[in-house]
Amino acid sequence: MHIDLNDPAQFTLEAVRQLVRAGNGAVHNQLRVTRAGLAYLSTVVGGADLDGLAFRLETWAAGSGCVGEQAAADDAWVQQIFEALRRNWPTPSSDFIDMY
């Protein structure tokens, strides 16, 4: 699943909630945004495979509760991720966002 951050019909709080819900909490996840504005969850994390990325958030460790059903039910968490995307697209403050 991905969200086109250029499309207001796709870039919604509910879409971010669905993206968070789709993550597998048993593995590390990283929210990444391509230079074209596609936000997606990746199990390739850290500084690996960065070609074509505009920015990425910090890695969410396996078992941390940052993705999955419970994380998606946390309105404050989903809003925080939505705002991090909104603030950093299309002009990211950095290619690595760890304060949001």
Protein backbone atom coordinates (compact mmCIF):
# COMPACT_ATOMS: atom_id res chain seq x y z
CA MET A 1 0.00 0.00 0.00
CA HIS A 2 1.13 3.56 -0.65
CA ILE A 3 -0.27 7.07 -0.34
CA ASP A 4 0.25 9.65 -3.07
CA LEU A 5 1.03 12.77 -1.03
CA ASN A 6 0.34 14.92 -4.10
CA ASP A 7 -3.29 13.79 -4.24
CA PRO A 8 -5.51 15.34 -1.53
CA ALA A 9 -8.05 12.55 -2.09
CA GLN A 10 -5.38 9.99 -1.11
CA PHE A 11 -3.42 11.97 1.50
CA THR A 12 -5.92 11.75 4.34
CA LEU A 13 -5.82 10.87 8.00
CA GLU A 14 -7.74 7.69 7.21
CA ALA A 15 -5.22 6.68 4.55
CA VAL A 16 -2.39 7.13 7.06
CA ARG A 17 -4.36 5.00 9.53
CA GLN A 18 -4.71 2.26 6.90
CA LEU A 19 -1.00 2.44 6.10
CA VAL A 20 -0.10 2.08 9.80
CA ARG A 21 -2.59 -0.80 10.11
CA ALA A 22 -0.98 -2.59 7.16
CA GLY A 23 2.43 -2.75 8.84
CA ASN A 24 3.77 -5.99 10.27
CA GLY A 25 4.72 -5.39 13.91
CA ALA A 26 6.86 -8.55 14.00
CA VAL A 27 9.52 -6.92 11.80
CA HIS A 28 11.22 -3.53 11.63
CA ASN A 29 9.33 -0.94 9.56
CA GLN A 30 10.24 2.44 8.16
CA LEU A 31 7.91 4.98 6.61
CA ARG A 32 9.55 6.20 3.41
CA VAL A 33 8.57 8.84 0.86
CA THR A 34 9.82 8.76 -2.71
CA ARG A 35 10.83 11.87 -4.63
CA ALA A 36 7.56 11.42 -6.56
CA GLY A 37 5.62 11.75 -3.28
CA LEU A 38 4.62 8.14 -2.63
CA ALA A 39 4.60 7.26 1.07
CA TYR A 40 4.91 3.59 1.96
CA LEU A 41 6.07 1.25 4.72
CA SER A 42 9.31 -0.57 4.04
CA THR A 43 10.90 -3.53 5.77
CA VAL A 44 14.20 -2.34 4.26
CA VAL A 45 15.19 0.07 7.01
CA GLY A 46 17.95 2.35 8.19
CA GLY A 47 20.32 3.72 5.61
CA ALA A 48 19.82 0.90 3.10
CA ASP A 49 18.31 1.35 -0.36
CA LEU A 50 17.89 5.13 -0.26
CA ASP A 51 17.92 5.80 -4.02
CA GLY A 52 14.83 7.69 -5.09
CA LEU A 53 13.77 8.72 -1.59
CA ALA A 54 12.91 12.27 -0.59
CA PHE A 55 12.91 11.36 3.10
CA ARG A 56 12.27 8.64 5.63
CA LEU A 57 11.18 8.51 9.25
CA GLU A 58 13.12 6.72 11.95
CA THR A 59 12.96 2.92 11.95
CA TRP A 60 10.14 1.50 14.03
CA ALA A 61 11.56 -1.58 15.76
CA ALA A 62 9.80 -4.92 15.67
CA GLY A 63 7.47 -5.23 18.65
CA SER A 64 7.44 -1.48 19.37
CA GLY A 65 3.73 -1.08 18.66
CA CYS A 66 4.23 1.55 15.94
CA VAL A 67 2.36 -0.42 13.26
CA GLY A 68 -0.53 -2.85 13.19
CA GLU A 69 -4.08 -2.79 14.46
CA GLN A 70 -3.36 -1.28 17.89
CA ALA A 71 -1.18 1.48 16.45
CA ALA A 72 -3.86 2.31 13.89
CA ALA A 73 -6.41 2.63 16.70
CA ASP A 74 -4.25 5.24 18.46
CA ASP A 75 -5.64 8.53 17.13
CA ALA A 76 -2.79 10.61 18.55
CA TRP A 77 -0.15 8.38 16.91
CA VAL A 78 -1.89 8.42 13.52
CA GLN A 79 -2.26 12.22 13.72
CA GLN A 80 1.44 12.54 14.59
CA ILE A 81 2.46 10.54 11.51
CA PHE A 82 0.02 12.46 9.30
CA GLU A 83 1.46 15.77 10.51
CA ALA A 84 5.05 14.58 9.98
CA LEU A 85 4.20 13.75 6.38
CA ARG A 86 2.30 17.02 5.87
CA ARG A 87 5.13 19.14 7.30
CA ASN A 88 7.81 17.43 5.24
CA TRP A 89 6.14 17.09 1.85
CA PRO A 90 7.03 18.43 -0.66
CA THR A 91 9.95 20.16 1.07
CA PRO A 92 11.46 17.87 3.70
CA SER A 93 13.41 19.42 6.55
CA SER A 94 15.91 16.57 6.14
CA ASP A 95 16.22 13.24 4.35
CA PHE A 96 15.91 11.56 7.77
CA ILE A 97 13.12 12.65 10.11
CA ASP A 98 13.40 11.47 13.70
CA MET A 99 11.67 14.33 15.53
CA TYR A 100 7.97 14.44 14.80
